[in-house]
PDB file of N, CA and C in Angstrom:
ATOM      1  N   UNK A   1      -1.824 -41.468  38.446  1.00  0.00           N
ATOM      2  CA  UNK A   1      -2.746 -40.465  38.964  1.00  0.00           C
ATOM      3  C   UNK A   1      -4.147 -41.045  38.917  1.00  0.00           C
ATOM      4  N   UNK A   2      -4.897 -40.885  39.993  1.00  0.00           N
ATOM      5  CA  UNK A   2      -6.251 -41.433  40.030  1.00  0.00           C
ATOM      6  C   UNK A   2      -7.213 -40.519  39.282  1.00  0.00           C
ATOM      7  N   UNK A   3      -8.302 -41.115  38.860  1.00  0.00           N
ATOM      8  CA  UNK A   3      -9.324 -40.366  38.131  1.00  0.00           C
ATOM      9  C   UNK A   3      -9.894 -39.248  39.013  1.00  0.00           C
ATOM     10  N   UNK A   4      -9.935 -39.482  40.333  1.00  0.00           N
ATOM     11  CA  UNK A   4     -10.452 -38.487  41.263  1.00  0.00           C
ATOM     12  C   UNK A   4      -9.675 -37.176  41.126  1.00  0.00           C
ATOM     13  N   UNK A   5      -8.364 -37.251  40.914  1.00  0.00           N
ATOM     14  CA  UNK A   5      -7.538 -36.060  40.790  1.00  0.00           C
ATOM     15  C   UNK A   5      -7.640 -35.434  39.407  1.00  0.00           C
ATOM     16  N   UNK A   6      -7.991 -36.213  38.393  1.00  0.00           N
ATOM     17  CA  UNK A   6      -8.073 -35.711  37.025  1.00  0.00           C
ATOM     18  C   UNK A   6      -9.292 -34.828  36.802  1.00  0.00           C
ATOM     19  N   UNK A   7     -10.380 -35.092  37.483  1.00  0.00           N
ATOM     20  CA  UNK A   7     -11.605 -34.314  37.301  1.00  0.00           C
ATOM     21  C   UNK A   7     -11.499 -32.998  38.061  1.00  0.00           C
ATOM     22  N   UNK A   8     -11.649 -31.915  37.328  1.00  0.00           N
ATOM     23  CA  UNK A   8     -11.604 -30.612  37.975  1.00  0.00           C
ATOM     24  C   UNK A   8     -12.877 -30.389  38.768  1.00  0.00           C
ATOM     25  N   UNK A   9     -12.760 -29.789  39.945  1.00  0.00           N
ATOM     26  CA  UNK A   9     -13.966 -29.481  40.717  1.00  0.00           C
ATOM     27  C   UNK A   9     -14.798 -28.415  40.014  1.00  0.00           C
ATOM     28  N   UNK A  10     -16.032 -28.299  40.433  1.00  0.00           N
ATOM     29  CA  UNK A  10     -16.929 -27.270  39.916  1.00  0.00           C
ATOM     30  C   UNK A  10     -16.784 -26.053  40.819  1.00  0.00           C
ATOM     31  N   UNK A  11     -16.525 -24.920  40.224  1.00  0.00           N
ATOM     32  CA  UNK A  11     -16.407 -23.673  40.992  1.00  0.00           C
ATOM     33  C   UNK A  11     -17.602 -22.797  40.642  1.00  0.00           C
ATOM     34  N   UNK A  12     -18.359 -22.442  41.647  1.00  0.00           N
ATOM     35  CA  UNK A  12     -19.513 -21.562  41.470  1.00  0.00           C
ATOM     36  C   UNK A  12     -19.086 -20.167  41.895  1.00  0.00           C
ATOM     37  N   UNK A  13     -19.307 -19.216  41.005  1.00  0.00           N
ATOM     38  CA  UNK A  13     -18.892 -17.829  41.235  1.00  0.00           C
ATOM     39  C   UNK A  13     -20.061 -16.984  41.728  1.00  0.00           C
ATOM     40  N   UNK A  14     -19.721 -15.927  42.451  1.00  0.00           N
ATOM     41  CA  UNK A  14     -20.752 -14.973  42.840  1.00  0.00           C
ATOM     42  C   UNK A  14     -21.003 -14.010  41.678  1.00  0.00           C
ATOM     43  N   UNK A  15     -21.875 -13.031  41.883  1.00  0.00           N
ATOM     44  CA  UNK A  15     -22.253 -12.099  40.813  1.00  0.00           C
ATOM     45  C   UNK A  15     -21.072 -11.294  40.279  1.00  0.00           C
ATOM     46  N   UNK A  16     -20.052 -11.089  41.115  1.00  0.00           N
ATOM     47  CA  UNK A  16     -18.882 -10.319  40.701  1.00  0.00           C
ATOM     48  C   UNK A  16     -17.821 -11.198  40.040  1.00  0.00           C
ATOM     49  N   UNK A  17     -18.073 -12.493  39.933  1.00  0.00           N
ATOM     50  CA  UNK A  17     -17.122 -13.390  39.301  1.00  0.00           C
ATOM     51  C   UNK A  17     -16.087 -13.969  40.243  1.00  0.00           C
ATOM     52  N   UNK A  18     -16.296 -13.808  41.542  1.00  0.00           N
ATOM     53  CA  UNK A  18     -15.372 -14.349  42.528  1.00  0.00           C
ATOM     54  C   UNK A  18     -15.801 -15.760  42.923  1.00  0.00           C
ATOM     55  N   UNK A  19     -14.836 -16.667  43.106  1.00  0.00           N
ATOM     56  CA  UNK A  19     -15.196 -18.021  43.531  1.00  0.00           C
ATOM     57  C   UNK A  19     -15.935 -18.000  44.866  1.00  0.00           C
ATOM     58  N   UNK A  20     -17.067 -18.669  44.913  1.00  0.00           N
ATOM     59  CA  UNK A  20     -17.874 -18.694  46.129  1.00  0.00           C
ATOM     60  C   UNK A  20     -17.933 -20.103  46.727  1.00  0.00           C
ATOM     61  N   UNK A  21     -18.097 -21.113  45.864  1.00  0.00           N
ATOM     62  CA  UNK A  21     -18.172 -22.503  46.310  1.00  0.00           C
ATOM     63  C   UNK A  21     -17.365 -23.379  45.364  1.00  0.00           C
ATOM     64  N   UNK A  22     -16.711 -24.382  45.930  1.00  0.00           N
ATOM     65  CA  UNK A  22     -15.994 -25.378  45.142  1.00  0.00           C
ATOM     66  C   UNK A  22     -16.607 -26.724  45.457  1.00  0.00           C
ATOM     67  N   UNK A  23     -17.208 -27.335  44.435  1.00  0.00           N
ATOM     68  CA  UNK A  23     -17.904 -28.601  44.618  1.00  0.00           C
ATOM     69  C   UNK A  23     -17.066 -29.754  44.082  1.00  0.00           C
ATOM     70  N   UNK A  24     -16.973 -30.799  44.884  1.00  0.00           N
ATOM     71  CA  UNK A  24     -16.254 -32.001  44.492  1.00  0.00           C
ATOM     72  C   UNK A  24     -16.662 -33.127  45.427  1.00  0.00           C
ATOM     73  N   UNK A  25     -16.164 -34.297  45.150  1.00  0.00           N
ATOM     74  CA  UNK A  25     -16.384 -35.436  46.038  1.00  0.00           C
ATOM     75  C   UNK A  25     -15.044 -36.052  46.407  1.00  0.00           C
ATOM     76  N   UNK A  26     -14.963 -36.521  47.622  1.00  0.00           N
ATOM     77  CA  UNK A  26     -13.827 -37.277  48.121  1.00  0.00           C
ATOM     78  C   UNK A  26     -14.382 -38.584  48.684  1.00  0.00           C
ATOM     79  N   UNK A  27     -13.503 -39.490  49.040  1.00  0.00           N
ATOM     80  CA  UNK A  27     -13.984 -40.724  49.669  1.00  0.00           C
ATOM     81  C   UNK A  27     -14.802 -40.402  50.924  1.00  0.00           C
ATOM     82  N   UNK A  28     -14.332 -39.450  51.703  1.00  0.00           N
ATOM     83  CA  UNK A  28     -15.024 -39.088  52.943  1.00  0.00           C
ATOM     84  C   UNK A  28     -16.410 -38.526  52.658  1.00  0.00           C
ATOM     85  N   UNK A  29     -16.524 -37.670  51.657  1.00  0.00           N
ATOM     86  CA  UNK A  29     -17.833 -37.067  51.381  1.00  0.00           C
ATOM     87  C   UNK A  29     -18.799 -38.087  50.783  1.00  0.00           C
ATOM     88  N   UNK A  30     -18.289 -39.026  49.991  1.00  0.00           N
ATOM     89  CA  UNK A  30     -19.144 -40.091  49.456  1.00  0.00           C
ATOM     90  C   UNK A  30     -19.601 -40.998  50.593  1.00  0.00           C
ATOM     91  N   UNK A  31     -18.701 -41.316  51.492  1.00  0.00           N
ATOM     92  CA  UNK A  31     -19.060 -42.143  52.651  1.00  0.00           C
ATOM     93  C   UNK A  31     -20.134 -41.440  53.480  1.00  0.00           C
ATOM     94  N   UNK A  32     -19.975 -40.150  53.679  1.00  0.00           N
ATOM     95  CA  UNK A  32     -20.942 -39.367  54.454  1.00  0.00           C
ATOM     96  C   UNK A  32     -22.317 -39.404  53.786  1.00  0.00           C
ATOM     97  N   UNK A  33     -22.321 -39.288  52.463  1.00  0.00           N
ATOM     98  CA  UNK A  33     -23.586 -39.348  51.712  1.00  0.00           C
ATOM     99  C   UNK A  33     -24.223 -40.735  51.861  1.00  0.00           C
ATOM    100  N   UNK A  34     -23.415 -41.774  51.712  1.00  0.00           N
ATOM    101  CA  UNK A  34     -23.944 -43.131  51.826  1.00  0.00           C
ATOM    102  C   UNK A  34     -24.476 -43.420  53.226  1.00  0.00           C
ATOM    103  N   UNK A  35     -23.803 -42.897  54.239  1.00  0.00           N
ATOM    104  CA  UNK A  35     -24.268 -43.088  55.618  1.00  0.00           C
ATOM    105  C   UNK A  35     -25.633 -42.441  55.850  1.00  0.00           C
ATOM    106  N   UNK A  36     -25.984 -41.506  55.010  1.00  0.00           N
ATOM    107  CA  UNK A  36     -27.285 -40.854  55.090  1.00  0.00           C
ATOM    108  C   UNK A  36     -28.293 -41.454  54.115  1.00  0.00           C
ATOM    109  N   UNK A  37     -27.939 -42.603  53.557  1.00  0.00           N
ATOM    110  CA  UNK A  37     -28.857 -43.344  52.707  1.00  0.00           C
ATOM    111  C   UNK A  37     -28.843 -42.979  51.242  1.00  0.00           C
ATOM    112  N   UNK A  38     -27.912 -42.129  50.811  1.00  0.00           N
ATOM    113  CA  UNK A  38     -27.882 -41.724  49.406  1.00  0.00           C
ATOM    114  C   UNK A  38     -27.346 -42.840  48.530  1.00  0.00           C
ATOM    115  N   UNK A  39     -27.968 -43.019  47.381  1.00  0.00           N
ATOM    116  CA  UNK A  39     -27.511 -43.946  46.340  1.00  0.00           C
ATOM    117  C   UNK A  39     -27.455 -43.151  45.044  1.00  0.00           C
ATOM    118  N   UNK A  40     -26.361 -43.272  44.321  1.00  0.00           N
ATOM    119  CA  UNK A  40     -26.190 -42.494  43.090  1.00  0.00           C
ATOM    120  C   UNK A  40     -27.298 -42.785  42.083  1.00  0.00           C
ATOM    121  N   UNK A  41     -27.898 -43.959  42.139  1.00  0.00           N
ATOM    122  CA  UNK A  41     -28.989 -44.300  41.228  1.00  0.00           C
ATOM    123  C   UNK A  41     -30.218 -43.420  41.452  1.00  0.00           C
ATOM    124  N   UNK A  42     -30.306 -42.771  42.609  1.00  0.00           N
ATOM    125  CA  UNK A  42     -31.430 -41.877  42.892  1.00  0.00           C
ATOM    126  C   UNK A  42     -31.484 -40.702  41.925  1.00  0.00           C
ATOM    127  N   UNK A  43     -30.340 -40.323  41.379  1.00  0.00           N
ATOM    128  CA  UNK A  43     -30.301 -39.178  40.464  1.00  0.00           C
ATOM    129  C   UNK A  43     -31.163 -39.454  39.234  1.00  0.00           C
ATOM    130  N   UNK A  44     -31.133 -40.680  38.748  1.00  0.00           N
ATOM    131  CA  UNK A  44     -31.965 -41.017  37.587  1.00  0.00           C
ATOM    132  C   UNK A  44     -33.301 -41.639  37.991  1.00  0.00           C
ATOM    133  N   UNK A  45     -33.318 -42.390  39.083  1.00  0.00           N
ATOM    134  CA  UNK A  45     -34.562 -43.041  39.509  1.00  0.00           C
ATOM    135  C   UNK A  45     -35.563 -42.055  40.116  1.00  0.00           C
ATOM    136  N   UNK A  46     -35.059 -41.103  40.872  1.00  0.00           N
ATOM    137  CA  UNK A  46     -35.897 -40.103  41.544  1.00  0.00           C
ATOM    138  C   UNK A  46     -35.256 -38.726  41.366  1.00  0.00           C
ATOM    139  N   UNK A  47     -35.275 -38.181  40.144  1.00  0.00           N
ATOM    140  CA  UNK A  47     -34.503 -36.971  39.860  1.00  0.00           C
ATOM    141  C   UNK A  47     -34.849 -35.756  40.722  1.00  0.00           C
ATOM    142  N   UNK A  48     -36.085 -35.592  41.094  1.00  0.00           N
ATOM    143  CA  UNK A  48     -36.446 -34.403  41.866  1.00  0.00           C
ATOM    144  C   UNK A  48     -35.698 -34.363  43.198  1.00  0.00           C
ATOM    145  N   UNK A  49     -35.645 -35.477  43.888  1.00  0.00           N
ATOM    146  CA  UNK A  49     -34.920 -35.518  45.163  1.00  0.00           C
ATOM    147  C   UNK A  49     -33.460 -35.913  44.967  1.00  0.00           C
ATOM    148  N   UNK A  50     -33.183 -36.769  43.995  1.00  0.00           N
ATOM    149  CA  UNK A  50     -31.827 -37.257  43.784  1.00  0.00           C
ATOM    150  C   UNK A  50     -30.850 -36.166  43.369  1.00  0.00           C
ATOM    151  N   UNK A  51     -31.265 -35.294  42.469  1.00  0.00           N
ATOM    152  CA  UNK A  51     -30.385 -34.203  42.028  1.00  0.00           C
ATOM    153  C   UNK A  51     -30.131 -33.235  43.177  1.00  0.00           C
ATOM    154  N   UNK A  52     -31.169 -32.916  43.927  1.00  0.00           N
ATOM    155  CA  UNK A  52     -31.010 -32.033  45.082  1.00  0.00           C
ATOM    156  C   UNK A  52     -30.036 -32.637  46.096  1.00  0.00           C
ATOM    157  N   UNK A  53     -30.154 -33.929  46.334  1.00  0.00           N
ATOM    158  CA  UNK A  53     -29.260 -34.601  47.285  1.00  0.00           C
ATOM    159  C   UNK A  53     -27.822 -34.621  46.773  1.00  0.00           C
ATOM    160  N   UNK A  54     -27.623 -34.984  45.511  1.00  0.00           N
ATOM    161  CA  UNK A  54     -26.286 -35.016  44.938  1.00  0.00           C
ATOM    162  C   UNK A  54     -25.618 -33.653  45.040  1.00  0.00           C
ATOM    163  N   UNK A  55     -26.358 -32.612  44.700  1.00  0.00           N
ATOM    164  CA  UNK A  55     -25.822 -31.258  44.770  1.00  0.00           C
ATOM    165  C   UNK A  55     -25.447 -30.894  46.209  1.00  0.00           C
ATOM    166  N   UNK A  56     -26.315 -31.211  47.150  1.00  0.00           N
ATOM    167  CA  UNK A  56     -26.053 -30.957  48.568  1.00  0.00           C
ATOM    168  C   UNK A  56     -24.794 -31.686  49.035  1.00  0.00           C
ATOM    169  N   UNK A  57     -24.676 -32.965  48.710  1.00  0.00           N
ATOM    170  CA  UNK A  57     -23.532 -33.753  49.173  1.00  0.00           C
ATOM    171  C   UNK A  57     -22.225 -33.288  48.536  1.00  0.00           C
ATOM    172  N   UNK A  58     -22.284 -32.655  47.366  1.00  0.00           N
ATOM    173  CA  UNK A  58     -21.073 -32.154  46.713  1.00  0.00           C
ATOM    174  C   UNK A  58     -20.435 -31.005  47.485  1.00  0.00           C
ATOM    175  N   UNK A  59     -21.179 -30.370  48.358  1.00  0.00           N
ATOM    176  CA  UNK A  59     -20.639 -29.288  49.179  1.00  0.00           C
ATOM    177  C   UNK A  59     -19.807 -29.824  50.347  1.00  0.00           C
ATOM    178  N   UNK A  60     -19.997 -31.077  50.710  1.00  0.00           N
ATOM    179  CA  UNK A  60     -19.408 -31.654  51.919  1.00  0.00           C
ATOM    180  C   UNK A  60     -17.880 -31.559  51.957  1.00  0.00           C
ATOM    181  N   UNK A  61     -17.215 -31.796  50.853  1.00  0.00           N
ATOM    182  CA  UNK A  61     -15.751 -31.823  50.847  1.00  0.00           C
ATOM    183  C   UNK A  61     -15.133 -30.479  51.233  1.00  0.00           C
ATOM    184  N   UNK A  62     -15.734 -29.371  50.816  1.00  0.00           N
ATOM    185  CA  UNK A  62     -15.128 -28.054  51.036  1.00  0.00           C
ATOM    186  C   UNK A  62     -15.976 -27.088  51.845  1.00  0.00           C
ATOM    187  N   UNK A  63     -17.235 -27.412  52.075  1.00  0.00           N
ATOM    188  CA  UNK A  63     -18.154 -26.473  52.735  1.00  0.00           C
ATOM    189  C   UNK A  63     -19.073 -27.245  53.688  1.00  0.00           C
ATOM    190  N   UNK A  64     -18.498 -27.842  54.714  1.00  0.00           N
ATOM    191  CA  UNK A  64     -19.251 -28.730  55.612  1.00  0.00           C
ATOM    192  C   UNK A  64     -20.397 -28.051  56.350  1.00  0.00           C
ATOM    193  N   UNK A  65     -20.312 -26.778  56.598  1.00  0.00           N
ATOM    194  CA  UNK A  65     -21.315 -26.097  57.395  1.00  0.00           C
ATOM    195  C   UNK A  65     -22.551 -25.626  56.638  1.00  0.00           C
ATOM    196  N   UNK A  66     -22.608 -25.880  55.349  1.00  0.00           N
ATOM    197  CA  UNK A  66     -23.723 -25.385  54.549  1.00  0.00           C
ATOM    198  C   UNK A  66     -24.853 -26.407  54.545  1.00  0.00           C
ATOM    199  N   UNK A  67     -26.050 -25.941  54.863  1.00  0.00           N
ATOM    200  CA  UNK A  67     -27.213 -26.817  54.937  1.00  0.00           C
ATOM    201  C   UNK A  67     -27.938 -26.952  53.610  1.00  0.00           C
ATOM    202  N   UNK A  68     -28.852 -27.901  53.587  1.00  0.00           N
ATOM    203  CA  UNK A  68     -29.601 -28.178  52.357  1.00  0.00           C
ATOM    204  C   UNK A  68     -30.421 -26.980  51.867  1.00  0.00           C
ATOM    205  N   UNK A  69     -31.075 -26.207  52.734  1.00  0.00           N
ATOM    206  CA  UNK A  69     -31.818 -25.051  52.205  1.00  0.00           C
ATOM    207  C   UNK A  69     -30.926 -24.098  51.401  1.00  0.00           C
ATOM    208  N   UNK A  70     -29.703 -23.888  51.867  1.00  0.00           N
ATOM    209  CA  UNK A  70     -28.797 -22.992  51.149  1.00  0.00           C
ATOM    210  C   UNK A  70     -28.327 -23.618  49.834  1.00  0.00           C
ATOM    211  N   UNK A  71     -28.007 -24.921  49.842  1.00  0.00           N
ATOM    212  CA  UNK A  71     -27.564 -25.557  48.599  1.00  0.00           C
ATOM    213  C   UNK A  71     -28.704 -25.620  47.588  1.00  0.00           C
ATOM    214  N   UNK A  72     -29.926 -25.824  48.062  1.00  0.00           N
ATOM    215  CA  UNK A  72     -31.076 -25.801  47.150  1.00  0.00           C
ATOM    216  C   UNK A  72     -31.229 -24.422  46.507  1.00  0.00           C
ATOM    217  N   UNK A  73     -30.995 -23.383  47.292  1.00  0.00           N
ATOM    218  CA  UNK A  73     -31.094 -22.017  46.776  1.00  0.00           C
ATOM    219  C   UNK A  73     -29.994 -21.746  45.747  1.00  0.00           C
ATOM    220  N   UNK A  74     -28.778 -22.204  46.034  1.00  0.00           N
ATOM    221  CA  UNK A  74     -27.672 -22.035  45.080  1.00  0.00           C
ATOM    222  C   UNK A  74     -28.014 -22.738  43.768  1.00  0.00           C
ATOM    223  N   UNK A  75     -28.558 -23.949  43.850  1.00  0.00           N
ATOM    224  CA  UNK A  75     -28.919 -24.690  42.638  1.00  0.00           C
ATOM    225  C   UNK A  75     -29.986 -23.938  41.836  1.00  0.00           C
ATOM    226  N   UNK A  76     -30.978 -23.395  42.528  1.00  0.00           N
ATOM    227  CA  UNK A  76     -32.025 -22.630  41.834  1.00  0.00           C
ATOM    228  C   UNK A  76     -31.456 -21.414  41.129  1.00  0.00           C
ATOM    229  N   UNK A  77     -30.395 -20.830  41.680  1.00  0.00           N
ATOM    230  CA  UNK A  77     -29.797 -19.632  41.109  1.00  0.00           C
ATOM    231  C   UNK A  77     -28.859 -19.917  39.944  1.00  0.00           C
ATOM    232  N   UNK A  78     -28.524 -21.175  39.709  1.00  0.00           N
ATOM    233  CA  UNK A  78     -27.680 -21.494  38.548  1.00  0.00           C
ATOM    234  C   UNK A  78     -28.448 -21.137  37.292  1.00  0.00           C
ATOM    235  N   UNK A  79     -27.865 -20.332  36.452  1.00  0.00           N
ATOM    236  CA  UNK A  79     -28.567 -19.832  35.268  1.00  0.00           C
ATOM    237  C   UNK A  79     -28.437 -20.749  34.066  1.00  0.00           C
ATOM    238  N   UNK A  80     -27.328 -21.451  33.949  1.00  0.00           N
ATOM    239  CA  UNK A  80     -27.105 -22.285  32.771  1.00  0.00           C
ATOM    240  C   UNK A  80     -26.276 -23.499  33.152  1.00  0.00           C
ATOM    241  N   UNK A  81     -26.209 -24.422  32.237  1.00  0.00           N
ATOM    242  CA  UNK A  81     -25.351 -25.594  32.368  1.00  0.00           C
ATOM    243  C   UNK A  81     -25.719 -26.530  33.519  1.00  0.00           C
ATOM    244  N   UNK A  82     -26.975 -26.552  33.917  1.00  0.00           N
ATOM    245  CA  UNK A  82     -27.366 -27.456  35.000  1.00  0.00           C
ATOM    246  C   UNK A  82     -27.073 -28.902  34.652  1.00  0.00           C
ATOM    247  N   UNK A  83     -27.365 -29.288  33.405  1.00  0.00           N
ATOM    248  CA  UNK A  83     -27.114 -30.678  32.995  1.00  0.00           C
ATOM    249  C   UNK A  83     -25.631 -30.993  33.076  1.00  0.00           C
ATOM    250  N   UNK A  84     -24.789 -30.071  32.660  1.00  0.00           N
ATOM    251  CA  UNK A  84     -23.342 -30.274  32.721  1.00  0.00           C
ATOM    252  C   UNK A  84     -22.867 -30.382  34.172  1.00  0.00           C
ATOM    253  N   UNK A  85     -23.452 -29.591  35.051  1.00  0.00           N
ATOM    254  CA  UNK A  85     -23.103 -29.639  36.477  1.00  0.00           C
ATOM    255  C   UNK A  85     -23.448 -31.013  37.044  1.00  0.00           C
ATOM    256  N   UNK A  86     -24.643 -31.487  36.780  1.00  0.00           N
ATOM    257  CA  UNK A  86     -25.075 -32.790  37.299  1.00  0.00           C
ATOM    258  C   UNK A  86     -24.205 -33.907  36.727  1.00  0.00           C
ATOM    259  N   UNK A  87     -23.913 -33.835  35.435  1.00  0.00           N
ATOM    260  CA  UNK A  87     -23.062 -34.843  34.810  1.00  0.00           C
ATOM    261  C   UNK A  87     -21.686 -34.877  35.464  1.00  0.00           C
ATOM    262  N   UNK A  88     -21.086 -33.710  35.693  1.00  0.00           N
ATOM    263  CA  UNK A  88     -19.762 -33.651  36.330  1.00  0.00           C
ATOM    264  C   UNK A  88     -19.827 -34.159  37.762  1.00  0.00           C
ATOM    265  N   UNK A  89     -20.874 -33.815  38.500  1.00  0.00           N
ATOM    266  CA  UNK A  89     -20.999 -34.304  39.876  1.00  0.00           C
ATOM    267  C   UNK A  89     -21.078 -35.831  39.914  1.00  0.00           C
ATOM    268  N   UNK A  90     -21.833 -36.408  39.000  1.00  0.00           N
ATOM    269  CA  UNK A  90     -21.927 -37.866  38.927  1.00  0.00           C
ATOM    270  C   UNK A  90     -20.555 -38.468  38.617  1.00  0.00           C
ATOM    271  N   UNK A  91     -19.828 -37.869  37.685  1.00  0.00           N
ATOM    272  CA  UNK A  91     -18.489 -38.354  37.341  1.00  0.00           C
ATOM    273  C   UNK A  91     -17.557 -38.290  38.550  1.00  0.00           C
ATOM    274  N   UNK A  92     -17.596 -37.181  39.294  1.00  0.00           N
ATOM    275  CA  UNK A  92     -16.729 -37.036  40.464  1.00  0.00           C
ATOM    276  C   UNK A  92     -17.115 -38.018  41.565  1.00  0.00           C
ATOM    277  N   UNK A  93     -18.415 -38.219  41.763  1.00  0.00           N
ATOM    278  CA  UNK A  93     -18.897 -39.171  42.757  1.00  0.00           C
ATOM    279  C   UNK A  93     -18.394 -40.567  42.406  1.00  0.00           C
ATOM    280  N   UNK A  94     -18.583 -40.965  41.156  1.00  0.00           N
ATOM    281  CA  UNK A  94     -18.150 -42.295  40.716  1.00  0.00           C
ATOM    282  C   UNK A  94     -16.636 -42.448  40.766  1.00  0.00           C
ATOM    283  N   UNK A  95     -15.889 -41.389  40.463  1.00  0.00           N
ATOM    284  CA  UNK A  95     -14.423 -41.449  40.521  1.00  0.00           C
ATOM    285  C   UNK A  95     -13.949 -41.701  41.944  1.00  0.00           C
ATOM    286  N   UNK A  96     -14.630 -41.126  42.915  1.00  0.00           N
ATOM    287  CA  UNK A  96     -14.269 -41.367  44.309  1.00  0.00           C
ATOM    288  C   UNK A  96     -14.504 -42.817  44.682  1.00  0.00           C
ATOM    289  N   UNK A  97     -15.593 -43.390  44.197  1.00  0.00           N
ATOM    290  CA  UNK A  97     -15.857 -44.811  44.437  1.00  0.00           C
ATOM    291  C   UNK A  97     -14.807 -45.683  43.756  1.00  0.00           C
ATOM    292  N   UNK A  98     -14.473 -45.352  42.518  1.00  0.00           N
ATOM    293  CA  UNK A  98     -13.490 -46.129  41.767  1.00  0.00           C
ATOM    294  C   UNK A  98     -12.115 -46.063  42.412  1.00  0.00           C
ATOM    295  N   UNK A  99     -11.770 -44.933  43.012  1.00  0.00           N
ATOM    296  CA  UNK A  99     -10.454 -44.812  43.651  1.00  0.00           C
ATOM    297  C   UNK A  99     -10.339 -45.756  44.841  1.00  0.00           C
ATOM    298  N   UNK A 100     -11.442 -46.079  45.461  1.00  0.00           N
ATOM    299  CA  UNK A 100     -11.434 -47.016  46.583  1.00  0.00           C
ATOM    300  C   UNK A 100     -11.104 -48.431  46.103  1.00  0.00           C
ATOM    301  N   UNK A 101     -11.529 -48.746  44.889  1.00  0.00           N
ATOM    302  CA  UNK A 101     -11.357 -50.096  44.352  1.00  0.00           C
ATOM    303  C   UNK A 101     -10.080 -50.263  43.528  1.00  0.00           C
ATOM    304  N   UNK A 102      -9.436 -49.176  43.149  1.00  0.00           N
ATOM    305  CA  UNK A 102      -8.292 -49.268  42.248  1.00  0.00           C
ATOM    306  C   UNK A 102      -7.039 -49.745  42.973  1.00  0.00           C
ATOM    307  N   UNK A 103      -6.096 -50.265  42.204  1.00  0.00           N
ATOM    308  CA  UNK A 103      -4.822 -50.739  42.720  1.00  0.00           C
ATOM    309  C   UNK A 103      -3.749 -49.701  42.422  1.00  0.00           C
ATOM    310  N   UNK A 104      -3.796 -48.581  43.104  1.00  0.00           N
ATOM    311  CA  UNK A 104      -2.850 -47.506  42.805  1.00  0.00           C
ATOM    312  C   UNK A 104      -1.727 -47.398  43.830  1.00  0.00           C
ATOM    313  N   UNK A 105      -1.727 -48.258  44.832  1.00  0.00           N
ATOM    314  CA  UNK A 105      -0.676 -48.162  45.843  1.00  0.00           C
ATOM    315  C   UNK A 105       0.628 -48.719  45.302  1.00  0.00           C
ATOM    316  N   UNK A 106       1.696 -48.163  45.748  1.00  0.00           N
ATOM    317  CA  UNK A 106       3.026 -48.606  45.362  1.00  0.00           C
ATOM    318  C   UNK A 106       3.367 -49.856  46.176  1.00  0.00           C
ATOM    319  N   UNK A 107       3.655 -50.961  45.492  1.00  0.00           N
ATOM    320  CA  UNK A 107       3.925 -52.216  46.190  1.00  0.00           C
ATOM    321  C   UNK A 107       5.134 -52.113  47.104  1.00  0.00           C
ATOM    322  N   UNK A 108       6.115 -51.295  46.778  1.00  0.00           N
ATOM    323  CA  UNK A 108       7.311 -51.156  47.609  1.00  0.00           C
ATOM    324  C   UNK A 108       6.962 -50.578  48.979  1.00  0.00           C
ATOM    325  N   UNK A 109       5.978 -49.709  49.032  1.00  0.00           N
ATOM    326  CA  UNK A 109       5.608 -49.057  50.287  1.00  0.00           C
ATOM    327  C   UNK A 109       4.448 -49.750  50.988  1.00  0.00           C
ATOM    328  N   UNK A 110       3.933 -50.804  50.402  1.00  0.00           N
ATOM    329  CA  UNK A 110       2.795 -51.495  50.973  1.00  0.00           C
ATOM    330  C   UNK A 110       3.223 -52.322  52.174  1.00  0.00           C
ATOM    331  N   UNK A 111       2.388 -52.327  53.209  1.00  0.00           N
ATOM    332  CA  UNK A 111       2.682 -53.131  54.403  1.00  0.00           C
ATOM    333  C   UNK A 111       1.880 -54.414  54.411  1.00  0.00           C
ATOM    334  N   UNK A 112       1.034 -54.622  53.431  1.00  0.00           N
ATOM    335  CA  UNK A 112       0.202 -55.813  53.339  1.00  0.00           C
ATOM    336  C   UNK A 112       0.317 -56.403  51.935  1.00  0.00           C
ATOM    337  N   UNK A 113       0.211 -57.700  51.869  1.00  0.00           N
ATOM    338  CA  UNK A 113       0.209 -58.389  50.585  1.00  0.00           C
ATOM    339  C   UNK A 113      -1.038 -59.254  50.509  1.00  0.00           C
ATOM    340  N   UNK A 114      -1.458 -59.510  49.285  1.00  0.00           N
ATOM    341  CA  UNK A 114      -2.649 -60.346  49.063  1.00  0.00           C
ATOM    342  C   UNK A 114      -2.283 -61.418  48.055  1.00  0.00           C
ATOM    343  N   UNK A 115      -2.676 -62.623  48.348  1.00  0.00           N
ATOM    344  CA  UNK A 115      -2.524 -63.705  47.388  1.00  0.00           C
ATOM    345  C   UNK A 115      -3.896 -64.210  47.050  1.00  0.00           C
ATOM    346  N   UNK A 116      -4.210 -64.238  45.758  1.00  0.00           N
ATOM    347  CA  UNK A 116      -5.528 -64.704  45.303  1.00  0.00           C
ATOM    348  C   UNK A 116      -5.414 -66.012  44.570  1.00  0.00           C
TER     349      UNK A 116
END
């Protein structure tokens, strides 16, 4: 099982306790973020913009139609655990990158071989 599957997504609830948004990263959403110039190092190098960007890109996997103004508003409305949210988002982002590099394919079903 890849690390990407082990990390539970972040579920943001509405005022009544109903799930409203599910935040996670996939290879596709990380690629989409990178195509827009995002670098995970921005979260620590430029936290004001980096955290906002990371949070915005985390919506991509499950909520493609949501724009940055709305994600910024959702982030402002988070009452607690912001540090935990950012930490989990970074872990999920990195897990998606690691899954690209890992050797998790079954050799029996592989159509390509590599000799190093």
